[in-house]
Amino acid sequence: MQELKNQFKNFDLHKKPRIGEDAIQGLLFIAGILSIFTTLAIVYELGKEAWLFFGDPEVTLAKFFGTTRWQPGIGQFGIWSLVTSTLITSFIAMLISLPLGLASALFLSEYASLRARSILKPILEVLAGIPTVVYGYFALLFVTPILKNIFGDVVQVYNMASAGLVMGIMILPLISSMSEDALSAVPRALREGAYAMGATKFETSIQVVLPAALSGIGAALIIGISRAVGETMIVAVAAGAGPNFTFDPFQAAETMTGHIARISGGDLSYNTIDYTSLFAIALMLFLVTLVLNLISQQVVSRFRERYE
């Protein structure tokens, strides 16, 4: 025993070089720096080009934030016609994807057997691999006729409702998968403690497991909102091709991403008002996404349960 103790004392953990571990740490550091640099470069480029837009004598903040018609070519710079349609379609999408995604995540995590989970989860995640342009035409050719049959002629051919509904279907696998991972990571001891106190499986799932996983669910919510706000092809195909300041989801209206996709596909000369307006819209889109993410983080941190 004494000889074993002497060998252990002579063993130096720092003698062996940790080349592999150092290399991994270096790669992770470089990846983090590149992510920060990429974000700063995007903000710089958007800000630089948007500065040219706001530097035009015809453009004022009063026109940009105080009016509702967007036609830069004739001196109308009201951004709210694009912002409201973006927020409406994103709200409809989250109204569909969040409850359905959480419900499917709870079922897969707490109720489904291993065989059912192995079958249902890949089927659900197949939705994430469908091209968004296919979703767009699905909204236009399938969902819109259904809405017209239900609500009548009040539903236009191009409308925000069908685009938002299909966006929700597209985002559903993302929220479901991330939420299911967060729910599965909740310690088993919390469930067993709830069962020991006499709670049913449903009560344990809703009152114990769900609050414990709220941090991961909040991350899924934030990513889902960002995905909805930044979606392009679905709204470009199904929502409409013209700015329209309206709160009626059954009317056609163009979102910020849809407008950028439509205008940038034309022949635009550099440094014209139409060209620089695209970067002003993109900067506004960035700010809207940032504000929504900050609000979501505050809500999640307010209601999150901490277990130590």
C-alpha atoms as a PDB file:
ATOM      1  CA  MET A   1       0.000   0.000   0.000  1.00  0.00           C
ATOM      2  CA  GLN A   2       2.818   2.393   0.858  1.00  0.00           C
ATOM      3  CA  GLU A   3       4.478   1.668  -2.473  1.00  0.00           C
ATOM      4  CA  LEU A   4       1.233   2.463  -4.286  1.00  0.00           C
ATOM      5  CA  LYS A   5       0.976   5.785  -2.424  1.00  0.00           C
ATOM      6  CA  ASN A   6       4.533   6.676  -3.400  1.00  0.00           C
ATOM      7  CA  GLN A   7       3.793   5.922  -7.067  1.00  0.00           C
ATOM      8  CA  PHE A   8       0.685   8.112  -6.922  1.00  0.00           C
ATOM      9  CA  LYS A   9       2.684  10.993  -5.410  1.00  0.00           C
ATOM     10  CA  ASN A  10       5.230  10.762  -8.201  1.00  0.00           C
ATOM     11  CA  PHE A  11       2.500  10.819 -10.854  1.00  0.00           C
ATOM     12  CA  ASP A  12       2.285  14.292 -12.398  1.00  0.00           C
ATOM     13  CA  LEU A  13      -0.920  15.098 -14.246  1.00  0.00           C
ATOM     14  CA  HIS A  14       0.750  17.973 -16.084  1.00  0.00           C
ATOM     15  CA  LYS A  15       3.571  15.950 -17.640  1.00  0.00           C
ATOM     16  CA  LYS A  16       1.518  14.657 -20.578  1.00  0.00           C
ATOM     17  CA  PRO A  17       0.793  17.280 -23.235  1.00  0.00           C
ATOM     18  CA  ARG A  18      -2.891  17.783 -24.040  1.00  0.00           C
ATOM     19  CA  ILE A  19      -2.498  18.653 -27.708  1.00  0.00           C
ATOM     20  CA  GLY A  20      -5.935  17.414 -28.715  1.00  0.00           C
ATOM     21  CA  GLU A  21      -7.735  19.296 -25.951  1.00  0.00           C
ATOM     22  CA  ASP A  22      -5.809  22.493 -26.691  1.00  0.00           C
ATOM     23  CA  ALA A  23      -6.628  22.176 -30.393  1.00  0.00           C
ATOM     24  CA  ILE A  24     -10.342  21.746 -29.642  1.00  0.00           C
ATOM     25  CA  GLN A  25     -10.324  24.780 -27.333  1.00  0.00           C
ATOM     26  CA  GLY A  26      -8.572  26.802 -30.028  1.00  0.00           C
ATOM     27  CA  LEU A  27     -11.106  25.791 -32.673  1.00  0.00           C
ATOM     28  CA  LEU A  28     -14.022  26.648 -30.386  1.00  0.00           C
ATOM     29  CA  PHE A  29     -12.468  30.031 -29.625  1.00  0.00           C
ATOM     30  CA  ILE A  30     -11.988  30.744 -33.332  1.00  0.00           C
ATOM     31  CA  ALA A  31     -15.587  29.703 -34.046  1.00  0.00           C
ATOM     32  CA  GLY A  32     -16.850  32.066 -31.350  1.00  0.00           C
ATOM     33  CA  ILE A  33     -14.738  34.954 -32.652  1.00  0.00           C
ATOM     34  CA  LEU A  34     -15.928  34.326 -36.214  1.00  0.00           C
ATOM     35  CA  SER A  35     -19.571  34.349 -35.078  1.00  0.00           C
ATOM     36  CA  ILE A  36     -19.109  37.688 -33.319  1.00  0.00           C
ATOM     37  CA  PHE A  37     -17.171  39.118 -36.248  1.00  0.00           C
ATOM     38  CA  THR A  38     -19.833  37.979 -38.732  1.00  0.00           C
ATOM     39  CA  THR A  39     -22.596  39.614 -36.681  1.00  0.00           C
ATOM     40  CA  LEU A  40     -20.663  42.871 -36.396  1.00  0.00           C
ATOM     41  CA  ALA A  41     -19.877  42.810 -40.131  1.00  0.00           C
ATOM     42  CA  ILE A  42     -23.563  42.364 -40.995  1.00  0.00           C
ATOM     43  CA  VAL A  43     -24.588  45.228 -38.710  1.00  0.00           C
ATOM     44  CA  TYR A  44     -21.831  47.431 -40.154  1.00  0.00           C
ATOM     45  CA  GLU A  45     -22.807  46.737 -43.751  1.00  0.00           C
ATOM     46  CA  LEU A  46     -26.505  47.302 -43.065  1.00  0.00           C
ATOM     47  CA  GLY A  47     -25.770  50.484 -41.155  1.00  0.00           C
ATOM     48  CA  LYS A  48     -23.437  51.828 -43.837  1.00  0.00           C
ATOM     49  CA  GLU A  49     -25.913  51.384 -46.669  1.00  0.00           C
ATOM     50  CA  ALA A  50     -28.904  52.461 -44.554  1.00  0.00           C
ATOM     51  CA  TRP A  51     -27.007  55.664 -43.694  1.00  0.00           C
ATOM     52  CA  LEU A  52     -27.020  56.526 -47.393  1.00  0.00           C
ATOM     53  CA  PHE A  53     -30.793  56.068 -47.426  1.00  0.00           C
ATOM     54  CA  PHE A  54     -31.415  58.282 -44.409  1.00  0.00           C
ATOM     55  CA  GLY A  55     -28.897  60.785 -45.746  1.00  0.00           C
ATOM     56  CA  ASP A  56     -31.138  61.497 -48.740  1.00  0.00           C
ATOM     57  CA  PRO A  57     -32.779  64.949 -48.403  1.00  0.00           C
ATOM     58  CA  GLU A  58     -36.230  63.505 -49.151  1.00  0.00           C
ATOM     59  CA  VAL A  59     -36.022  60.919 -46.358  1.00  0.00           C
ATOM     60  CA  THR A  60     -36.857  61.987 -42.827  1.00  0.00           C
ATOM     61  CA  LEU A  61     -37.528  60.019 -39.659  1.00  0.00           C
ATOM     62  CA  ALA A  62     -40.977  61.609 -39.548  1.00  0.00           C
ATOM     63  CA  LYS A  63     -41.808  60.123 -42.945  1.00  0.00           C
ATOM     64  CA  PHE A  64     -40.164  56.799 -42.113  1.00  0.00           C
ATOM     65  CA  PHE A  65     -41.894  56.200 -38.772  1.00  0.00           C
ATOM     66  CA  GLY A  66     -44.869  58.542 -39.078  1.00  0.00           C
ATOM     67  CA  THR A  67     -46.505  57.468 -42.333  1.00  0.00           C
ATOM     68  CA  THR A  68     -47.947  54.193 -43.616  1.00  0.00           C
ATOM     69  CA  ARG A  69     -47.321  54.176 -47.381  1.00  0.00           C
ATOM     70  CA  TRP A  70     -44.121  52.688 -48.774  1.00  0.00           C
ATOM     71  CA  GLN A  71     -43.169  53.720 -52.306  1.00  0.00           C
ATOM     72  CA  PRO A  72     -39.631  55.166 -52.244  1.00  0.00           C
ATOM     73  CA  GLY A  73     -39.715  55.902 -55.963  1.00  0.00           C
ATOM     74  CA  ILE A  74     -42.331  58.622 -55.470  1.00  0.00           C
ATOM     75  CA  GLY A  75     -41.164  59.873 -52.086  1.00  0.00           C
ATOM     76  CA  GLN A  76     -43.343  57.777 -49.739  1.00  0.00           C
ATOM     77  CA  PHE A  77     -41.279  56.150 -46.986  1.00  0.00           C
ATOM     78  CA  GLY A  78     -43.781  54.826 -44.416  1.00  0.00           C
ATOM     79  CA  ILE A  79     -42.231  51.613 -43.113  1.00  0.00           C
ATOM     80  CA  TRP A  80     -45.266  50.553 -41.060  1.00  0.00           C
ATOM     81  CA  SER A  81     -47.045  49.029 -44.048  1.00  0.00           C
ATOM     82  CA  LEU A  82     -44.237  46.453 -44.178  1.00  0.00           C
ATOM     83  CA  VAL A  83     -43.712  46.075 -40.432  1.00  0.00           C
ATOM     84  CA  THR A  84     -47.353  45.371 -39.570  1.00  0.00           C
ATOM     85  CA  SER A  85     -47.704  42.620 -42.173  1.00  0.00           C
ATOM     86  CA  THR A  86     -44.466  41.037 -40.915  1.00  0.00           C
ATOM     87  CA  LEU A  87     -45.699  41.055 -37.326  1.00  0.00           C
ATOM     88  CA  ILE A  88     -49.165  39.742 -38.258  1.00  0.00           C
ATOM     89  CA  THR A  89     -47.858  36.769 -40.242  1.00  0.00           C
ATOM     90  CA  SER A  90     -45.296  36.004 -37.510  1.00  0.00           C
ATOM     91  CA  PHE A  91     -47.977  36.202 -34.803  1.00  0.00           C
ATOM     92  CA  ILE A  92     -50.241  33.802 -36.707  1.00  0.00           C
ATOM     93  CA  ALA A  93     -47.311  31.439 -37.232  1.00  0.00           C
ATOM     94  CA  MET A  94     -46.406  31.400 -33.531  1.00  0.00           C
ATOM     95  CA  LEU A  95     -50.088  31.027 -32.620  1.00  0.00           C
ATOM     96  CA  ILE A  96     -50.025  27.744 -34.545  1.00  0.00           C
ATOM     97  CA  SER A  97     -46.522  26.422 -33.935  1.00  0.00           C
ATOM     98  CA  LEU A  98     -46.082  27.164 -30.214  1.00  0.00           C
ATOM     99  CA  PRO A  99     -49.088  25.256 -28.739  1.00  0.00           C
ATOM    100  CA  LEU A 100     -48.861  22.415 -31.253  1.00  0.00           C
ATOM    101  CA  GLY A 101     -45.093  22.189 -30.859  1.00  0.00           C
ATOM    102  CA  LEU A 102     -45.300  22.121 -27.053  1.00  0.00           C
ATOM    103  CA  ALA A 103     -48.114  19.565 -27.119  1.00  0.00           C
ATOM    104  CA  SER A 104     -46.211  17.248 -29.441  1.00  0.00           C
ATOM    105  CA  ALA A 105     -43.026  17.713 -27.380  1.00  0.00           C
ATOM    106  CA  LEU A 106     -44.877  16.817 -24.158  1.00  0.00           C
ATOM    107  CA  PHE A 107     -46.382  13.753 -25.789  1.00  0.00           C
ATOM    108  CA  LEU A 108     -43.048  12.549 -27.174  1.00  0.00           C
ATOM    109  CA  SER A 109     -41.208  13.219 -23.918  1.00  0.00           C
ATOM    110  CA  GLU A 110     -43.732  12.076 -21.292  1.00  0.00           C
ATOM    111  CA  TYR A 111     -46.316   9.791 -22.878  1.00  0.00           C
ATOM    112  CA  ALA A 112     -45.016   8.154 -26.049  1.00  0.00           C
ATOM    113  CA  SER A 113     -43.349   4.757 -25.903  1.00  0.00           C
ATOM    114  CA  LEU A 114     -39.892   4.254 -27.361  1.00  0.00           C
ATOM    115  CA  ARG A 115     -41.395   2.649 -30.463  1.00  0.00           C
ATOM    116  CA  ALA A 116     -43.902   5.467 -30.968  1.00  0.00           C
ATOM    117  CA  ARG A 117     -41.190   8.101 -30.430  1.00  0.00           C
ATOM    118  CA  SER A 118     -38.884   6.423 -32.939  1.00  0.00           C
ATOM    119  CA  ILE A 119     -41.670   6.553 -35.549  1.00  0.00           C
ATOM    120  CA  LEU A 120     -43.354   9.894 -34.846  1.00  0.00           C
ATOM    121  CA  LYS A 121     -40.312  12.116 -34.275  1.00  0.00           C
ATOM    122  CA  PRO A 122     -38.673  11.426 -37.694  1.00  0.00           C
ATOM    123  CA  ILE A 123     -42.047  11.950 -39.397  1.00  0.00           C
ATOM    124  CA  LEU A 124     -42.444  15.293 -37.639  1.00  0.00           C
ATOM    125  CA  GLU A 125     -38.919  16.371 -38.516  1.00  0.00           C
ATOM    126  CA  VAL A 126     -39.510  15.596 -42.201  1.00  0.00           C
ATOM    127  CA  LEU A 127     -41.528  18.823 -42.313  1.00  0.00           C
ATOM    128  CA  ALA A 128     -38.315  20.744 -41.639  1.00  0.00           C
ATOM    129  CA  GLY A 129     -36.749  19.398 -44.831  1.00  0.00           C
ATOM    130  CA  ILE A 130     -39.468  20.590 -47.207  1.00  0.00           C
ATOM    131  CA  PRO A 131     -38.346  23.621 -49.290  1.00  0.00           C
ATOM    132  CA  THR A 132     -40.053  26.832 -48.237  1.00  0.00           C
ATOM    133  CA  VAL A 133     -41.138  27.599 -51.809  1.00  0.00           C
ATOM    134  CA  VAL A 134     -43.182  24.379 -51.694  1.00  0.00           C
ATOM    135  CA  TYR A 135     -44.779  25.624 -48.485  1.00  0.00           C
ATOM    136  CA  GLY A 136     -45.562  28.880 -50.267  1.00  0.00           C
ATOM    137  CA  TYR A 137     -47.470  27.232 -53.074  1.00  0.00           C
ATOM    138  CA  PHE A 138     -49.137  24.908 -50.561  1.00  0.00           C
ATOM    139  CA  ALA A 139     -50.440  28.007 -48.780  1.00  0.00           C
ATOM    140  CA  LEU A 140     -51.582  29.605 -52.026  1.00  0.00           C
ATOM    141  CA  LEU A 141     -53.176  26.585 -53.707  1.00  0.00           C
ATOM    142  CA  PHE A 142     -54.429  24.541 -50.754  1.00  0.00           C
ATOM    143  CA  VAL A 143     -54.850  26.635 -47.594  1.00  0.00           C
ATOM    144  CA  THR A 144     -56.275  29.754 -49.271  1.00  0.00           C
ATOM    145  CA  PRO A 145     -59.161  27.862 -50.985  1.00  0.00           C
ATOM    146  CA  ILE A 146     -60.030  26.283 -47.619  1.00  0.00           C
ATOM    147  CA  LEU A 147     -60.120  29.712 -45.970  1.00  0.00           C
ATOM    148  CA  LYS A 148     -62.285  31.044 -48.817  1.00  0.00           C
ATOM    149  CA  ASN A 149     -64.723  28.163 -48.363  1.00  0.00           C
ATOM    150  CA  ILE A 150     -64.952  28.889 -44.628  1.00  0.00           C
ATOM    151  CA  PHE A 151     -64.979  32.703 -44.548  1.00  0.00           C
ATOM    152  CA  GLY A 152     -66.214  33.517 -48.046  1.00  0.00           C
ATOM    153  CA  ASP A 153     -65.144  36.281 -50.388  1.00  0.00           C
ATOM    154  CA  VAL A 154     -63.649  38.305 -47.540  1.00  0.00           C
ATOM    155  CA  VAL A 155     -60.518  36.201 -48.059  1.00  0.00           C
ATOM    156  CA  GLN A 156     -58.384  37.490 -50.918  1.00  0.00           C
ATOM    157  CA  VAL A 157     -56.367  35.179 -53.169  1.00  0.00           C
ATOM    158  CA  TYR A 158     -53.162  36.483 -51.612  1.00  0.00           C
ATOM    159  CA  ASN A 159     -53.544  36.965 -47.878  1.00  0.00           C
ATOM    160  CA  MET A 160     -51.531  37.023 -44.669  1.00  0.00           C
ATOM    161  CA  ALA A 161     -53.615  34.362 -42.911  1.00  0.00           C
ATOM    162  CA  SER A 162     -52.716  31.462 -45.190  1.00  0.00           C
ATOM    163  CA  ALA A 163     -49.051  32.500 -45.214  1.00  0.00           C
ATOM    164  CA  GLY A 164     -48.995  32.689 -41.415  1.00  0.00           C
ATOM    165  CA  LEU A 165     -50.730  29.340 -40.974  1.00  0.00           C
ATOM    166  CA  VAL A 166     -48.272  27.544 -43.246  1.00  0.00           C
ATOM    167  CA  MET A 167     -45.330  29.327 -41.622  1.00  0.00           C
ATOM    168  CA  GLY A 168     -46.567  27.892 -38.331  1.00  0.00           C
ATOM    169  CA  ILE A 169     -46.574  24.395 -39.820  1.00  0.00           C
ATOM    170  CA  MET A 170     -43.040  24.958 -41.095  1.00  0.00           C
ATOM    171  CA  ILE A 171     -41.748  26.163 -37.695  1.00  0.00           C
ATOM    172  CA  LEU A 172     -43.560  23.432 -35.734  1.00  0.00           C
ATOM    173  CA  PRO A 173     -40.797  20.762 -36.082  1.00  0.00           C
ATOM    174  CA  LEU A 174     -38.170  23.242 -34.859  1.00  0.00           C
ATOM    175  CA  ILE A 175     -40.075  24.168 -31.703  1.00  0.00           C
ATOM    176  CA  SER A 176     -41.175  20.582 -31.097  1.00  0.00           C
ATOM    177  CA  SER A 177     -37.678  19.127 -31.408  1.00  0.00           C
ATOM    178  CA  MET A 178     -35.984  21.751 -29.226  1.00  0.00           C
ATOM    179  CA  SER A 179     -38.746  21.618 -26.600  1.00  0.00           C
ATOM    180  CA  GLU A 180     -38.660  17.828 -26.513  1.00  0.00           C
ATOM    181  CA  ASP A 181     -34.908  17.892 -25.894  1.00  0.00           C
ATOM    182  CA  ALA A 182     -35.417  20.406 -23.058  1.00  0.00           C
ATOM    183  CA  LEU A 183     -38.182  18.303 -21.487  1.00  0.00           C
ATOM    184  CA  SER A 184     -36.142  15.103 -21.749  1.00  0.00           C
ATOM    185  CA  ALA A 185     -33.237  16.822 -19.973  1.00  0.00           C
ATOM    186  CA  VAL A 186     -35.307  17.463 -16.820  1.00  0.00           C
ATOM    187  CA  PRO A 187     -33.931  15.235 -14.020  1.00  0.00           C
ATOM    188  CA  ARG A 188     -35.886  12.082 -13.350  1.00  0.00           C
ATOM    189  CA  ALA A 189     -35.834  12.898  -9.629  1.00  0.00           C
ATOM    190  CA  LEU A 190     -38.290  15.764 -10.141  1.00  0.00           C
ATOM    191  CA  ARG A 191     -40.804  13.449 -11.750  1.00  0.00           C
ATOM    192  CA  GLU A 192     -40.380  10.802  -9.057  1.00  0.00           C
ATOM    193  CA  GLY A 193     -40.778  13.412  -6.326  1.00  0.00           C
ATOM    194  CA  ALA A 194     -44.036  14.613  -7.882  1.00  0.00           C
ATOM    195  CA  TYR A 195     -45.346  11.059  -8.178  1.00  0.00           C
ATOM    196  CA  ALA A 196     -44.409  10.450  -4.526  1.00  0.00           C
ATOM    197  CA  MET A 197     -46.521  13.478  -3.540  1.00  0.00           C
ATOM    198  CA  GLY A 198     -49.510  11.946  -5.303  1.00  0.00           C
ATOM    199  CA  ALA A 199     -49.455  13.983  -8.533  1.00  0.00           C
ATOM    200  CA  THR A 200     -50.858  12.443 -11.687  1.00  0.00           C
ATOM    201  CA  LYS A 201     -48.833  12.133 -14.866  1.00  0.00           C
ATOM    202  CA  PHE A 202     -50.592  15.122 -16.396  1.00  0.00           C
ATOM    203  CA  GLU A 203     -50.041  17.258 -13.288  1.00  0.00           C
ATOM    204  CA  THR A 204     -46.383  16.248 -13.214  1.00  0.00           C
ATOM    205  CA  SER A 205     -45.940  17.116 -16.879  1.00  0.00           C
ATOM    206  CA  ILE A 206     -47.642  20.520 -16.660  1.00  0.00           C
ATOM    207  CA  GLN A 207     -46.701  21.706 -13.160  1.00  0.00           C
ATOM    208  CA  VAL A 208     -43.235  20.186 -12.699  1.00  0.00           C
ATOM    209  CA  VAL A 209     -41.564  19.152 -15.958  1.00  0.00           C
ATOM    210  CA  LEU A 210     -42.761  22.069 -18.085  1.00  0.00           C
ATOM    211  CA  PRO A 211     -41.608  24.826 -15.676  1.00  0.00           C
ATOM    212  CA  ALA A 212     -38.272  23.052 -15.190  1.00  0.00           C
ATOM    213  CA  ALA A 213     -37.687  23.011 -18.956  1.00  0.00           C
ATOM    214  CA  LEU A 214     -38.867  26.575 -19.522  1.00  0.00           C
ATOM    215  CA  SER A 215     -35.360  27.809 -20.296  1.00  0.00           C
ATOM    216  CA  GLY A 216     -34.964  25.427 -23.225  1.00  0.00           C
ATOM    217  CA  ILE A 217     -38.529  26.049 -24.354  1.00  0.00           C
ATOM    218  CA  GLY A 218     -37.807  29.787 -24.261  1.00  0.00           C
ATOM    219  CA  ALA A 219     -34.817  29.242 -26.534  1.00  0.00           C
ATOM    220  CA  ALA A 220     -37.088  27.355 -28.941  1.00  0.00           C
ATOM    221  CA  LEU A 221     -39.584  30.222 -28.796  1.00  0.00           C
ATOM    222  CA  ILE A 222     -36.910  32.822 -29.569  1.00  0.00           C
ATOM    223  CA  ILE A 223     -35.556  30.832 -32.505  1.00  0.00           C
ATOM    224  CA  GLY A 224     -39.090  30.224 -33.763  1.00  0.00           C
ATOM    225  CA  ILE A 225     -39.901  33.949 -33.683  1.00  0.00           C
ATOM    226  CA  SER A 226     -36.685  34.775 -35.504  1.00  0.00           C
ATOM    227  CA  ARG A 227     -37.468  32.107 -38.087  1.00  0.00           C
ATOM    228  CA  ALA A 228     -40.977  33.461 -38.607  1.00  0.00           C
ATOM    229  CA  VAL A 229     -39.891  37.095 -38.928  1.00  0.00           C
ATOM    230  CA  GLY A 230     -37.126  36.200 -41.364  1.00  0.00           C
ATOM    231  CA  GLU A 231     -39.129  33.829 -43.578  1.00  0.00           C
ATOM    232  CA  THR A 232     -39.118  34.932 -47.211  1.00  0.00           C
ATOM    233  CA  MET A 233     -40.471  32.510 -49.801  1.00  0.00           C
ATOM    234  CA  ILE A 234     -43.784  31.626 -48.121  1.00  0.00           C
ATOM    235  CA  VAL A 235     -44.807  35.259 -47.709  1.00  0.00           C
ATOM    236  CA  ALA A 236     -43.415  36.189 -51.117  1.00  0.00           C
ATOM    237  CA  VAL A 237     -45.621  33.572 -52.794  1.00  0.00           C
ATOM    238  CA  ALA A 238     -48.770  33.602 -50.651  1.00  0.00           C
ATOM    239  CA  ALA A 239     -49.037  36.892 -48.731  1.00  0.00           C
ATOM    240  CA  GLY A 240     -49.052  39.391 -51.590  1.00  0.00           C
ATOM    241  CA  ALA A 241     -46.767  41.563 -53.690  1.00  0.00           C
ATOM    242  CA  GLY A 242     -47.446  45.115 -52.615  1.00  0.00           C
ATOM    243  CA  PRO A 243     -47.154  47.124 -49.374  1.00  0.00           C
ATOM    244  CA  ASN A 244     -50.537  47.486 -47.691  1.00  0.00           C
ATOM    245  CA  PHE A 245     -51.117  48.949 -44.238  1.00  0.00           C
ATOM    246  CA  THR A 246     -53.877  46.748 -42.835  1.00  0.00           C
ATOM    247  CA  PHE A 247     -54.602  44.648 -39.773  1.00  0.00           C
ATOM    248  CA  ASP A 248     -56.987  42.353 -41.647  1.00  0.00           C
ATOM    249  CA  PRO A 249     -55.196  38.991 -42.027  1.00  0.00           C
ATOM    250  CA  PHE A 250     -57.422  38.042 -44.966  1.00  0.00           C
ATOM    251  CA  GLN A 251     -56.073  40.859 -47.127  1.00  0.00           C
ATOM    252  CA  ALA A 252     -52.932  40.865 -49.225  1.00  0.00           C
ATOM    253  CA  ALA A 253     -49.923  42.631 -47.750  1.00  0.00           C
ATOM    254  CA  GLU A 254     -46.206  42.480 -48.372  1.00  0.00           C
ATOM    255  CA  THR A 255     -43.775  41.746 -45.552  1.00  0.00           C
ATOM    256  CA  MET A 256     -40.293  43.188 -45.200  1.00  0.00           C
ATOM    257  CA  THR A 257     -38.581  40.027 -46.411  1.00  0.00           C
ATOM    258  CA  GLY A 258     -41.051  39.593 -49.269  1.00  0.00           C
ATOM    259  CA  HIS A 259     -40.475  43.177 -50.390  1.00  0.00           C
ATOM    260  CA  ILE A 260     -36.699  42.753 -50.308  1.00  0.00           C
ATOM    261  CA  ALA A 261     -36.966  39.551 -52.358  1.00  0.00           C
ATOM    262  CA  ARG A 262     -39.245  41.172 -54.946  1.00  0.00           C
ATOM    263  CA  ILE A 263     -37.350  44.446 -55.356  1.00  0.00           C
ATOM    264  CA  SER A 264     -33.860  42.980 -55.309  1.00  0.00           C
ATOM    265  CA  GLY A 265     -34.806  40.707 -58.201  1.00  0.00           C
ATOM    266  CA  GLY A 266     -35.215  43.714 -60.490  1.00  0.00           C
ATOM    267  CA  ASP A 267     -32.668  45.996 -62.114  1.00  0.00           C
ATOM    268  CA  LEU A 268     -31.534  48.406 -59.414  1.00  0.00           C
ATOM    269  CA  SER A 269     -28.707  50.883 -59.874  1.00  0.00           C
ATOM    270  CA  TYR A 270     -26.258  51.290 -57.033  1.00  0.00           C
ATOM    271  CA  ASN A 271     -26.827  54.217 -54.669  1.00  0.00           C
ATOM    272  CA  THR A 272     -30.353  54.906 -55.908  1.00  0.00           C
ATOM    273  CA  ILE A 273     -33.139  55.482 -53.399  1.00  0.00           C
ATOM    274  CA  ASP A 274     -34.718  52.105 -54.226  1.00  0.00           C
ATOM    275  CA  TYR A 275     -31.394  50.338 -53.704  1.00  0.00           C
ATOM    276  CA  THR A 276     -30.528  51.931 -50.372  1.00  0.00           C
ATOM    277  CA  SER A 277     -34.109  51.494 -49.147  1.00  0.00           C
ATOM    278  CA  LEU A 278     -33.565  47.722 -49.144  1.00  0.00           C
ATOM    279  CA  PHE A 279     -30.840  48.111 -46.526  1.00  0.00           C
ATOM    280  CA  ALA A 280     -33.039  50.401 -44.444  1.00  0.00           C
ATOM    281  CA  ILE A 281     -35.724  47.694 -44.480  1.00  0.00           C
ATOM    282  CA  ALA A 282     -33.132  45.029 -43.612  1.00  0.00           C
ATOM    283  CA  LEU A 283     -31.858  47.120 -40.708  1.00  0.00           C
ATOM    284  CA  MET A 284     -35.425  47.599 -39.485  1.00  0.00           C
ATOM    285  CA  LEU A 285     -35.963  43.847 -39.780  1.00  0.00           C
ATOM    286  CA  PHE A 286     -32.841  43.260 -37.705  1.00  0.00           C
ATOM    287  CA  LEU A 287     -34.065  45.669 -35.023  1.00  0.00           C
ATOM    288  CA  VAL A 288     -37.553  44.097 -34.941  1.00  0.00           C
ATOM    289  CA  THR A 289     -36.024  40.645 -34.486  1.00  0.00           C
ATOM    290  CA  LEU A 290     -33.708  41.940 -31.764  1.00  0.00           C
ATOM    291  CA  VAL A 291     -36.558  43.591 -29.845  1.00  0.00           C
ATOM    292  CA  LEU A 292     -38.757  40.485 -30.067  1.00  0.00           C
ATOM    293  CA  ASN A 293     -35.878  38.318 -28.838  1.00  0.00           C
ATOM    294  CA  LEU A 294     -35.206  40.639 -25.892  1.00  0.00           C
ATOM    295  CA  ILE A 295     -38.892  40.619 -24.943  1.00  0.00           C
ATOM    296  CA  SER A 296     -38.989  36.817 -25.163  1.00  0.00           C
ATOM    297  CA  GLN A 297     -35.896  36.513 -22.964  1.00  0.00           C
ATOM    298  CA  GLN A 298     -37.421  38.795 -20.349  1.00  0.00           C
ATOM    299  CA  VAL A 299     -40.664  36.811 -20.306  1.00  0.00           C
ATOM    300  CA  VAL A 300     -38.821  33.497 -19.996  1.00  0.00           C
ATOM    301  CA  SER A 301     -36.523  34.762 -17.220  1.00  0.00           C
ATOM    302  CA  ARG A 302     -39.563  36.113 -15.377  1.00  0.00           C
ATOM    303  CA  PHE A 303     -41.439  32.807 -15.268  1.00  0.00           C
ATOM    304  CA  ARG A 304     -38.536  30.327 -15.315  1.00  0.00           C
ATOM    305  CA  GLU A 305     -38.302  27.890 -12.409  1.00  0.00           C
ATOM    306  CA  ARG A 306     -34.821  27.390 -10.962  1.00  0.00           C
ATOM    307  CA  TYR A 307     -33.843  24.131  -9.312  1.00  0.00           C
ATOM    308  CA  GLU A 308     -30.587  23.995  -7.365  1.00  0.00           C
END
